[in-house]
Amino acid sequence: MELNAAIPVQDVDGELLLRIGAAAILGPLLGLDREIRGHAAGLRTHGLICVSAAAMAIAVIALYFQFDGRGETRMDPLRIFEATGAFVGFLGAGLIVFARGRLHNLTTAAHLWLTAMVGVACGAGLWPLVAVCTVASVVMLTLLAVVEGNWARDRRIGKGQHEQ
């Protein structure tokens, strides 16, 4: 069996540490709101997903360039999004609960998707995308929570006239 050449451990460099480190810091930061509000996926879940997505992006990009240099058929690095989407979709679907006429954890499931994409962007070194998505996420979860609180409304699904 022919495998790709192994990369020695001593080749850990600043760029790799920066990309994984950024995901390790930003993932839990993105999960802070969910943790404070007592939702199922908080600091650890968001952190693990962000770091995993970053590691997956780094691995796919590295393999892409490694195999390209050997004259092999080019790999499709976009498959990382397919794998990430499938996994996070599965996790998010497991979080969403319908109970007592209310839908729970929908925002958390959507936020896990954003966290995964921030991780992919960290792994790919797309720092402007990382910054914009992180700021947008924090603003949406904090500012919009205040707005929603001021405009509190009944969010029960299927509330008919007979329940009024």
N, C-alpha and C. Protein backbone atom coordinates (compact mmCIF):
# COMPACT_ATOMS: atom_id res chain seq x y z
N MET A 1 0.84 -1.17 0.00
CA MET A 1 0.00 0.00 0.00
C MET A 1 0.89 1.24 0.00
N GLU A 2 0.59 2.14 -0.90
CA GLU A 2 1.37 3.37 -0.97
C GLU A 2 0.63 4.47 -0.22
N LEU A 3 1.33 5.08 0.72
CA LEU A 3 0.75 6.15 1.52
C LEU A 3 1.49 7.45 1.24
N ASN A 4 0.87 8.53 1.61
CA ASN A 4 1.56 9.82 1.48
C ASN A 4 2.70 9.87 2.49
N ALA A 5 3.69 10.69 2.21
CA ALA A 5 4.84 10.82 3.11
C ALA A 5 4.38 11.45 4.43
N ALA A 6 4.87 10.87 5.52
CA ALA A 6 4.53 11.41 6.83
C ALA A 6 5.27 12.73 7.06
N ILE A 7 4.63 13.62 7.80
CA ILE A 7 5.26 14.88 8.15
C ILE A 7 5.75 14.74 9.59
N PRO A 8 7.05 14.95 9.82
CA PRO A 8 7.61 14.76 11.16
C PRO A 8 7.02 15.74 12.18
N VAL A 9 6.95 15.30 13.41
CA VAL A 9 6.37 16.11 14.49
C VAL A 9 7.13 17.42 14.66
N GLN A 10 8.43 17.41 14.46
CA GLN A 10 9.21 18.64 14.65
C GLN A 10 8.87 19.71 13.60
N ASP A 11 8.06 19.36 12.60
CA ASP A 11 7.64 20.34 11.60
C ASP A 11 6.44 21.18 12.05
N VAL A 12 6.04 21.04 13.31
CA VAL A 12 4.98 21.91 13.84
C VAL A 12 5.54 23.33 13.79
N ASP A 13 4.82 24.21 13.13
CA ASP A 13 5.33 25.57 12.98
C ASP A 13 4.33 26.58 13.51
N GLY A 14 4.72 27.82 13.46
CA GLY A 14 3.89 28.90 13.98
C GLY A 14 2.55 29.02 13.27
N GLU A 15 2.56 28.79 11.95
CA GLU A 15 1.30 28.92 11.19
C GLU A 15 0.29 27.86 11.60
N LEU A 16 0.75 26.64 11.79
CA LEU A 16 -0.14 25.57 12.25
C LEU A 16 -0.69 25.89 13.64
N LEU A 17 0.19 26.32 14.54
CA LEU A 17 -0.24 26.67 15.89
C LEU A 17 -1.21 27.85 15.88
N LEU A 18 -0.98 28.82 15.01
CA LEU A 18 -1.87 29.97 14.90
C LEU A 18 -3.26 29.54 14.44
N ARG A 19 -3.32 28.70 13.42
CA ARG A 19 -4.62 28.28 12.87
C ARG A 19 -5.41 27.43 13.85
N ILE A 20 -4.77 26.47 14.47
CA ILE A 20 -5.47 25.63 15.46
C ILE A 20 -5.74 26.44 16.73
N GLY A 21 -4.79 27.27 17.13
CA GLY A 21 -4.97 28.10 18.32
C GLY A 21 -6.13 29.08 18.18
N ALA A 22 -6.25 29.68 17.00
CA ALA A 22 -7.36 30.61 16.76
C ALA A 22 -8.69 29.87 16.87
N ALA A 23 -8.76 28.67 16.31
CA ALA A 23 -10.00 27.87 16.40
C ALA A 23 -10.27 27.46 17.85
N ALA A 24 -9.22 27.15 18.59
CA ALA A 24 -9.38 26.74 19.99
C ALA A 24 -9.85 27.89 20.87
N ILE A 25 -9.54 29.10 20.49
CA ILE A 25 -9.99 30.27 21.26
C ILE A 25 -11.37 30.73 20.79
N LEU A 26 -11.55 30.81 19.48
CA LEU A 26 -12.80 31.34 18.93
C LEU A 26 -13.97 30.39 19.09
N GLY A 27 -13.74 29.09 19.00
CA GLY A 27 -14.83 28.11 19.16
C GLY A 27 -15.55 28.26 20.50
N PRO A 28 -14.81 28.18 21.61
CA PRO A 28 -15.47 28.39 22.90
C PRO A 28 -16.06 29.80 23.05
N LEU A 29 -15.39 30.81 22.49
CA LEU A 29 -15.95 32.17 22.54
C LEU A 29 -17.31 32.20 21.86
N LEU A 30 -17.41 31.53 20.71
CA LEU A 30 -18.70 31.48 20.01
C LEU A 30 -19.74 30.70 20.81
N GLY A 31 -19.31 29.74 21.60
CA GLY A 31 -20.23 28.94 22.40
C GLY A 31 -20.59 29.57 23.74
N LEU A 32 -19.96 30.68 24.08
CA LEU A 32 -20.20 31.32 25.38
C LEU A 32 -21.66 31.70 25.59
N ASP A 33 -22.29 32.28 24.59
CA ASP A 33 -23.69 32.67 24.71
C ASP A 33 -24.57 31.45 24.98
N ARG A 34 -24.32 30.38 24.26
CA ARG A 34 -25.12 29.15 24.43
C ARG A 34 -24.91 28.57 25.83
N GLU A 35 -23.68 28.66 26.34
CA GLU A 35 -23.36 28.16 27.68
C GLU A 35 -24.08 28.99 28.74
N ILE A 36 -24.01 30.31 28.60
CA ILE A 36 -24.64 31.22 29.57
C ILE A 36 -26.14 31.00 29.61
N ARG A 37 -26.74 30.73 28.47
CA ARG A 37 -28.19 30.52 28.39
C ARG A 37 -28.61 29.09 28.73
N GLY A 38 -27.63 28.24 29.03
CA GLY A 38 -27.94 26.88 29.47
C GLY A 38 -28.35 25.93 28.36
N HIS A 39 -27.91 26.16 27.15
CA HIS A 39 -28.26 25.27 26.04
C HIS A 39 -27.34 24.06 26.00
N ALA A 40 -27.78 23.03 25.30
CA ALA A 40 -27.08 21.75 25.28
C ALA A 40 -25.66 21.85 24.73
N ALA A 41 -25.44 22.61 23.72
CA ALA A 41 -24.11 22.74 23.11
C ALA A 41 -23.51 24.06 23.55
N GLY A 42 -22.51 24.01 24.41
CA GLY A 42 -21.92 25.23 24.94
C GLY A 42 -20.45 25.37 24.57
N LEU A 43 -19.65 25.75 25.55
CA LEU A 43 -18.24 26.04 25.33
C LEU A 43 -17.48 24.85 24.72
N ARG A 44 -17.58 23.70 25.35
CA ARG A 44 -16.80 22.56 24.90
C ARG A 44 -17.23 22.07 23.52
N THR A 45 -18.54 21.99 23.29
CA THR A 45 -19.02 21.51 22.00
C THR A 45 -18.59 22.45 20.88
N HIS A 46 -18.79 23.74 21.07
CA HIS A 46 -18.40 24.71 20.05
C HIS A 46 -16.87 24.68 19.84
N GLY A 47 -16.13 24.59 20.92
CA GLY A 47 -14.67 24.53 20.81
C GLY A 47 -14.19 23.31 20.04
N LEU A 48 -14.74 22.16 20.37
CA LEU A 48 -14.33 20.93 19.69
C LEU A 48 -14.70 20.95 18.21
N ILE A 49 -15.86 21.45 17.89
CA ILE A 49 -16.28 21.51 16.49
C ILE A 49 -15.39 22.47 15.71
N CYS A 50 -15.08 23.61 16.29
CA CYS A 50 -14.25 24.61 15.60
C CYS A 50 -12.84 24.06 15.37
N VAL A 51 -12.23 23.46 16.39
CA VAL A 51 -10.89 22.90 16.24
C VAL A 51 -10.90 21.73 15.25
N SER A 52 -11.92 20.89 15.32
CA SER A 52 -12.02 19.75 14.39
C SER A 52 -12.13 20.22 12.94
N ALA A 53 -12.95 21.23 12.72
CA ALA A 53 -13.11 21.76 11.37
C ALA A 53 -11.81 22.40 10.88
N ALA A 54 -11.10 23.09 11.77
CA ALA A 54 -9.82 23.70 11.39
C ALA A 54 -8.80 22.61 11.04
N ALA A 55 -8.74 21.58 11.86
CA ALA A 55 -7.80 20.48 11.60
C ALA A 55 -8.13 19.78 10.29
N MET A 56 -9.42 19.61 10.02
CA MET A 56 -9.83 18.96 8.78
C MET A 56 -9.44 19.83 7.58
N ALA A 57 -9.63 21.13 7.68
CA ALA A 57 -9.26 22.03 6.59
C ALA A 57 -7.75 22.00 6.35
N ILE A 58 -6.98 22.03 7.42
CA ILE A 58 -5.51 21.99 7.29
C ILE A 58 -5.08 20.67 6.63
N ALA A 59 -5.65 19.57 7.09
CA ALA A 59 -5.28 18.26 6.54
C ALA A 59 -5.63 18.17 5.06
N VAL A 60 -6.81 18.62 4.68
CA VAL A 60 -7.22 18.54 3.28
C VAL A 60 -6.34 19.42 2.40
N ILE A 61 -6.07 20.64 2.86
CA ILE A 61 -5.22 21.54 2.07
C ILE A 61 -3.81 20.96 1.94
N ALA A 62 -3.26 20.43 3.02
CA ALA A 62 -1.92 19.84 2.98
C ALA A 62 -1.88 18.64 2.04
N LEU A 63 -2.87 17.77 2.12
CA LEU A 63 -2.90 16.61 1.22
C LEU A 63 -3.08 17.03 -0.23
N TYR A 64 -3.87 18.04 -0.43
CA TYR A 64 -4.09 18.55 -1.79
C TYR A 64 -2.75 18.94 -2.42
N PHE A 65 -1.96 19.74 -1.69
CA PHE A 65 -0.67 20.18 -2.22
C PHE A 65 0.35 19.05 -2.27
N GLN A 66 0.28 18.13 -1.32
CA GLN A 66 1.22 17.02 -1.31
C GLN A 66 1.00 16.09 -2.50
N PHE A 67 -0.24 15.75 -2.79
CA PHE A 67 -0.51 14.86 -3.91
C PHE A 67 -0.35 15.57 -5.24
N ASP A 68 -0.63 16.85 -5.29
CA ASP A 68 -0.47 17.60 -6.52
C ASP A 68 1.00 17.62 -6.94
N GLY A 69 1.89 17.69 -5.98
CA GLY A 69 3.32 17.70 -6.25
C GLY A 69 3.84 16.38 -6.81
N ARG A 70 3.12 15.30 -6.61
CA ARG A 70 3.55 13.98 -7.11
C ARG A 70 2.98 13.70 -8.50
N GLY A 71 2.28 14.65 -9.06
CA GLY A 71 1.72 14.45 -10.39
C GLY A 71 0.46 13.59 -10.38
N GLU A 72 -0.10 13.38 -9.20
CA GLU A 72 -1.32 12.59 -9.08
C GLU A 72 -2.51 13.40 -9.58
N THR A 73 -3.61 12.73 -9.76
CA THR A 73 -4.84 13.42 -10.11
C THR A 73 -5.17 14.38 -8.99
N ARG A 74 -5.60 15.55 -9.35
CA ARG A 74 -5.90 16.57 -8.33
C ARG A 74 -7.05 16.12 -7.45
N MET A 75 -6.91 16.40 -6.17
CA MET A 75 -7.96 16.10 -5.20
C MET A 75 -8.98 17.22 -5.21
N ASP A 76 -10.14 16.95 -4.69
CA ASP A 76 -11.18 17.96 -4.60
C ASP A 76 -11.28 18.43 -3.15
N PRO A 77 -10.62 19.55 -2.80
CA PRO A 77 -10.63 20.01 -1.41
C PRO A 77 -12.01 20.49 -0.96
N LEU A 78 -12.94 20.70 -1.88
CA LEU A 78 -14.26 21.15 -1.49
C LEU A 78 -15.05 20.07 -0.75
N ARG A 79 -14.58 18.85 -0.80
CA ARG A 79 -15.26 17.77 -0.08
C ARG A 79 -15.24 18.00 1.43
N ILE A 80 -14.32 18.84 1.88
CA ILE A 80 -14.28 19.16 3.31
C ILE A 80 -15.60 19.80 3.74
N PHE A 81 -16.19 20.62 2.87
CA PHE A 81 -17.46 21.26 3.21
C PHE A 81 -18.59 20.24 3.25
N GLU A 82 -18.52 19.28 2.36
CA GLU A 82 -19.53 18.23 2.36
C GLU A 82 -19.48 17.43 3.66
N ALA A 83 -18.28 17.05 4.06
CA ALA A 83 -18.13 16.26 5.28
C ALA A 83 -18.52 17.07 6.52
N THR A 84 -18.07 18.32 6.55
CA THR A 84 -18.40 19.18 7.69
C THR A 84 -19.91 19.42 7.76
N GLY A 85 -20.50 19.70 6.62
CA GLY A 85 -21.94 19.94 6.58
C GLY A 85 -22.74 18.74 7.03
N ALA A 86 -22.35 17.57 6.58
CA ALA A 86 -23.06 16.35 6.96
C ALA A 86 -22.95 16.10 8.46
N PHE A 87 -21.75 16.26 9.00
CA PHE A 87 -21.55 16.00 10.42
C PHE A 87 -22.30 17.01 11.29
N VAL A 88 -22.12 18.28 10.99
CA VAL A 88 -22.77 19.31 11.80
C VAL A 88 -24.29 19.24 11.64
N GLY A 89 -24.76 18.91 10.45
CA GLY A 89 -26.20 18.74 10.24
C GLY A 89 -26.75 17.61 11.10
N PHE A 90 -26.01 16.52 11.18
CA PHE A 90 -26.41 15.39 12.02
C PHE A 90 -26.45 15.79 13.49
N LEU A 91 -25.43 16.49 13.92
CA LEU A 91 -25.37 16.95 15.31
C LEU A 91 -26.49 17.95 15.61
N GLY A 92 -26.70 18.88 14.70
CA GLY A 92 -27.74 19.90 14.88
C GLY A 92 -29.12 19.29 14.92
N ALA A 93 -29.36 18.31 14.06
CA ALA A 93 -30.67 17.64 14.05
C ALA A 93 -30.93 16.94 15.38
N GLY A 94 -29.88 16.41 15.97
CA GLY A 94 -30.04 15.75 17.27
C GLY A 94 -30.31 16.73 18.40
N LEU A 95 -29.89 17.97 18.23
CA LEU A 95 -30.11 18.98 19.26
C LEU A 95 -31.53 19.55 19.24
N ILE A 96 -32.12 19.62 18.06
CA ILE A 96 -33.42 20.28 17.92
C ILE A 96 -34.51 19.42 18.55
N VAL A 97 -35.24 20.03 19.44
CA VAL A 97 -36.29 19.34 20.18
C VAL A 97 -37.60 20.12 20.05
N PHE A 98 -38.67 19.40 19.86
CA PHE A 98 -40.00 20.00 19.85
C PHE A 98 -40.72 19.50 21.09
N ALA A 99 -40.99 20.42 22.02
CA ALA A 99 -41.64 20.02 23.27
C ALA A 99 -42.62 21.09 23.71
N ARG A 100 -43.79 20.66 24.17
CA ARG A 100 -44.82 21.56 24.69
C ARG A 100 -45.13 22.70 23.72
N GLY A 101 -45.19 22.38 22.45
CA GLY A 101 -45.55 23.37 21.44
C GLY A 101 -44.45 24.35 21.10
N ARG A 102 -43.24 24.10 21.59
CA ARG A 102 -42.11 25.00 21.32
C ARG A 102 -40.95 24.24 20.70
N LEU A 103 -40.24 24.95 19.84
CA LEU A 103 -39.06 24.42 19.20
C LEU A 103 -37.85 24.89 20.00
N HIS A 104 -36.99 23.96 20.40
CA HIS A 104 -35.83 24.30 21.22
C HIS A 104 -34.53 23.97 20.48
N ASN A 105 -33.51 24.77 20.74
CA ASN A 105 -32.13 24.56 20.26
C ASN A 105 -31.95 24.80 18.76
N LEU A 106 -32.87 25.44 18.11
CA LEU A 106 -32.72 25.73 16.69
C LEU A 106 -31.56 26.71 16.46
N THR A 107 -31.48 27.75 17.28
CA THR A 107 -30.39 28.71 17.16
C THR A 107 -29.05 28.04 17.46
N THR A 108 -29.03 27.17 18.46
CA THR A 108 -27.79 26.47 18.80
C THR A 108 -27.34 25.59 17.64
N ALA A 109 -28.26 24.90 17.00
CA ALA A 109 -27.91 24.06 15.85
C ALA A 109 -27.34 24.91 14.71
N ALA A 110 -27.98 26.05 14.44
CA ALA A 110 -27.50 26.93 13.39
C ALA A 110 -26.14 27.51 13.75
N HIS A 111 -25.96 27.79 15.03
CA HIS A 111 -24.70 28.36 15.49
C HIS A 111 -23.56 27.36 15.40
N LEU A 112 -23.86 26.09 15.59
CA LEU A 112 -22.83 25.07 15.41
C LEU A 112 -22.34 25.06 13.96
N TRP A 113 -23.23 25.28 13.03
CA TRP A 113 -22.84 25.33 11.62
C TRP A 113 -21.88 26.50 11.40
N LEU A 114 -22.20 27.66 11.93
CA LEU A 114 -21.33 28.82 11.79
C LEU A 114 -19.98 28.56 12.47
N THR A 115 -20.01 27.93 13.63
CA THR A 115 -18.77 27.61 14.34
C THR A 115 -17.89 26.68 13.51
N ALA A 116 -18.50 25.72 12.86
CA ALA A 116 -17.74 24.81 11.99
C ALA A 116 -17.11 25.58 10.84
N MET A 117 -17.84 26.52 10.27
CA MET A 117 -17.29 27.29 9.17
C MET A 117 -16.16 28.22 9.63
N VAL A 118 -16.28 28.76 10.83
CA VAL A 118 -15.18 29.56 11.39
C VAL A 118 -13.95 28.66 11.56
N GLY A 119 -14.17 27.43 11.98
CA GLY A 119 -13.06 26.48 12.10
C GLY A 119 -12.42 26.18 10.77
N VAL A 120 -13.23 25.96 9.74
CA VAL A 120 -12.70 25.71 8.40
C VAL A 120 -11.90 26.94 7.94
N ALA A 121 -12.43 28.12 8.18
CA ALA A 121 -11.73 29.35 7.78
C ALA A 121 -10.42 29.51 8.55
N CYS A 122 -10.40 29.15 9.84
CA CYS A 122 -9.15 29.18 10.61
C CYS A 122 -8.14 28.22 10.00
N GLY A 123 -8.59 27.01 9.70
CA GLY A 123 -7.71 26.01 9.12
C GLY A 123 -7.16 26.43 7.77
N ALA A 124 -7.95 27.16 7.01
CA ALA A 124 -7.52 27.61 5.68
C ALA A 124 -6.74 28.93 5.76
N GLY A 125 -6.68 29.54 6.95
CA GLY A 125 -5.96 30.80 7.10
C GLY A 125 -6.67 31.97 6.47
N LEU A 126 -7.99 31.91 6.38
CA LEU A 126 -8.78 33.01 5.80
C LEU A 126 -9.17 33.99 6.91
N TRP A 127 -8.20 34.74 7.40
CA TRP A 127 -8.38 35.57 8.59
C TRP A 127 -9.45 36.64 8.44
N PRO A 128 -9.62 37.31 7.31
CA PRO A 128 -10.72 38.27 7.21
C PRO A 128 -12.09 37.60 7.39
N LEU A 129 -12.25 36.40 6.81
CA LEU A 129 -13.50 35.66 6.96
C LEU A 129 -13.71 35.25 8.42
N VAL A 130 -12.65 34.82 9.08
CA VAL A 130 -12.72 34.45 10.49
C VAL A 130 -13.20 35.64 11.32
N ALA A 131 -12.58 36.78 11.10
CA ALA A 131 -12.92 37.98 11.88
C ALA A 131 -14.36 38.41 11.65
N VAL A 132 -14.77 38.49 10.41
CA VAL A 132 -16.13 38.96 10.10
C VAL A 132 -17.17 37.99 10.65
N CYS A 133 -16.97 36.70 10.45
CA CYS A 133 -17.96 35.72 10.95
C CYS A 133 -18.03 35.70 12.47
N THR A 134 -16.89 35.83 13.13
CA THR A 134 -16.89 35.83 14.60
C THR A 134 -17.61 37.05 15.13
N VAL A 135 -17.31 38.22 14.60
CA VAL A 135 -17.98 39.44 15.05
C VAL A 135 -19.48 39.37 14.74
N ALA A 136 -19.83 38.92 13.55
CA ALA A 136 -21.25 38.82 13.18
C ALA A 136 -21.98 37.86 14.13
N SER A 137 -21.34 36.76 14.46
CA SER A 137 -21.96 35.79 15.36
C SER A 137 -22.20 36.37 16.75
N VAL A 138 -21.18 36.99 17.30
CA VAL A 138 -21.31 37.57 18.64
C VAL A 138 -22.38 38.66 18.65
N VAL A 139 -22.39 39.50 17.63
CA VAL A 139 -23.39 40.56 17.55
C VAL A 139 -24.80 39.97 17.45
N MET A 140 -24.96 38.97 16.58
CA MET A 140 -26.29 38.37 16.41
C MET A 140 -26.78 37.71 17.68
N LEU A 141 -25.92 36.99 18.35
CA LEU A 141 -26.36 36.27 19.54
C LEU A 141 -26.61 37.19 20.73
N THR A 142 -25.87 38.28 20.84
CA THR A 142 -26.06 39.16 21.99
C THR A 142 -27.06 40.28 21.70
N LEU A 143 -26.82 41.03 20.64
CA LEU A 143 -27.69 42.17 20.32
C LEU A 143 -29.10 41.72 19.96
N LEU A 144 -29.20 40.70 19.12
CA LEU A 144 -30.53 40.24 18.72
C LEU A 144 -31.28 39.57 19.87
N ALA A 145 -30.55 39.01 20.83
CA ALA A 145 -31.22 38.44 22.01
C ALA A 145 -31.88 39.55 22.82
N VAL A 146 -31.23 40.70 22.89
CA VAL A 146 -31.81 41.85 23.59
C VAL A 146 -33.05 42.33 22.85
N VAL A 147 -32.94 42.43 21.52
CA VAL A 147 -34.07 42.87 20.69
C VAL A 147 -35.23 41.89 20.84
N GLU A 148 -34.95 40.60 20.77
CA GLU A 148 -36.00 39.60 20.92
C GLU A 148 -36.64 39.69 22.30
N GLY A 149 -35.83 39.95 23.31
CA GLY A 149 -36.36 40.08 24.67
C GLY A 149 -37.31 41.25 24.80
N ASN A 150 -37.00 42.34 24.10
CA ASN A 150 -37.87 43.52 24.13
C ASN A 150 -39.15 43.30 23.35
N TRP A 151 -39.12 42.45 22.36
CA TRP A 151 -40.28 42.17 21.54
C TRP A 151 -40.79 40.76 21.84
N ALA A 152 -40.74 40.38 23.08
CA ALA A 152 -41.12 39.01 23.45
C ALA A 152 -42.48 38.66 22.87
N ARG A 153 -42.54 37.48 22.30
CA ARG A 153 -43.79 37.01 21.73
C ARG A 153 -43.89 35.51 21.95
N ASP A 154 -45.09 35.03 21.82
CA ASP A 154 -45.30 33.60 21.98
C ASP A 154 -44.79 32.90 20.73
N ARG A 155 -43.84 32.00 20.90
CA ARG A 155 -43.24 31.31 19.76
C ARG A 155 -43.71 29.87 19.66
N ARG A 156 -44.82 29.57 20.28
CA ARG A 156 -45.32 28.20 20.16
C ARG A 156 -45.74 27.91 18.73
N ILE A 157 -45.40 26.74 18.28
CA ILE A 157 -45.74 26.32 16.92
C ILE A 157 -47.13 25.72 16.94
N GLY A 158 -47.92 26.09 15.95
CA GLY A 158 -49.25 25.52 15.81
C GLY A 158 -50.26 26.07 16.79
N LYS A 159 -49.97 27.25 17.34
CA LYS A 159 -50.92 27.86 18.28
C LYS A 159 -52.12 28.33 17.49
N GLY A 160 -53.22 27.71 17.70
CA GLY A 160 -54.45 28.04 16.97
C GLY A 160 -55.35 28.93 17.78
N GLN A 161 -56.50 29.28 17.20
CA GLN A 161 -57.43 30.16 17.88
C GLN A 161 -58.03 29.50 19.12
N HIS A 162 -58.12 28.18 19.11
CA HIS A 162 -58.70 27.49 20.25
C HIS A 162 -57.83 27.58 21.49
N GLU A 163 -56.55 27.99 21.34
CA GLU A 163 -55.67 28.08 22.50
C GLU A 163 -55.60 29.50 23.05
N GLN A 164 -56.19 30.46 22.38
CA GLN A 164 -56.04 31.85 22.79
C GLN A 164 -56.87 32.19 23.99
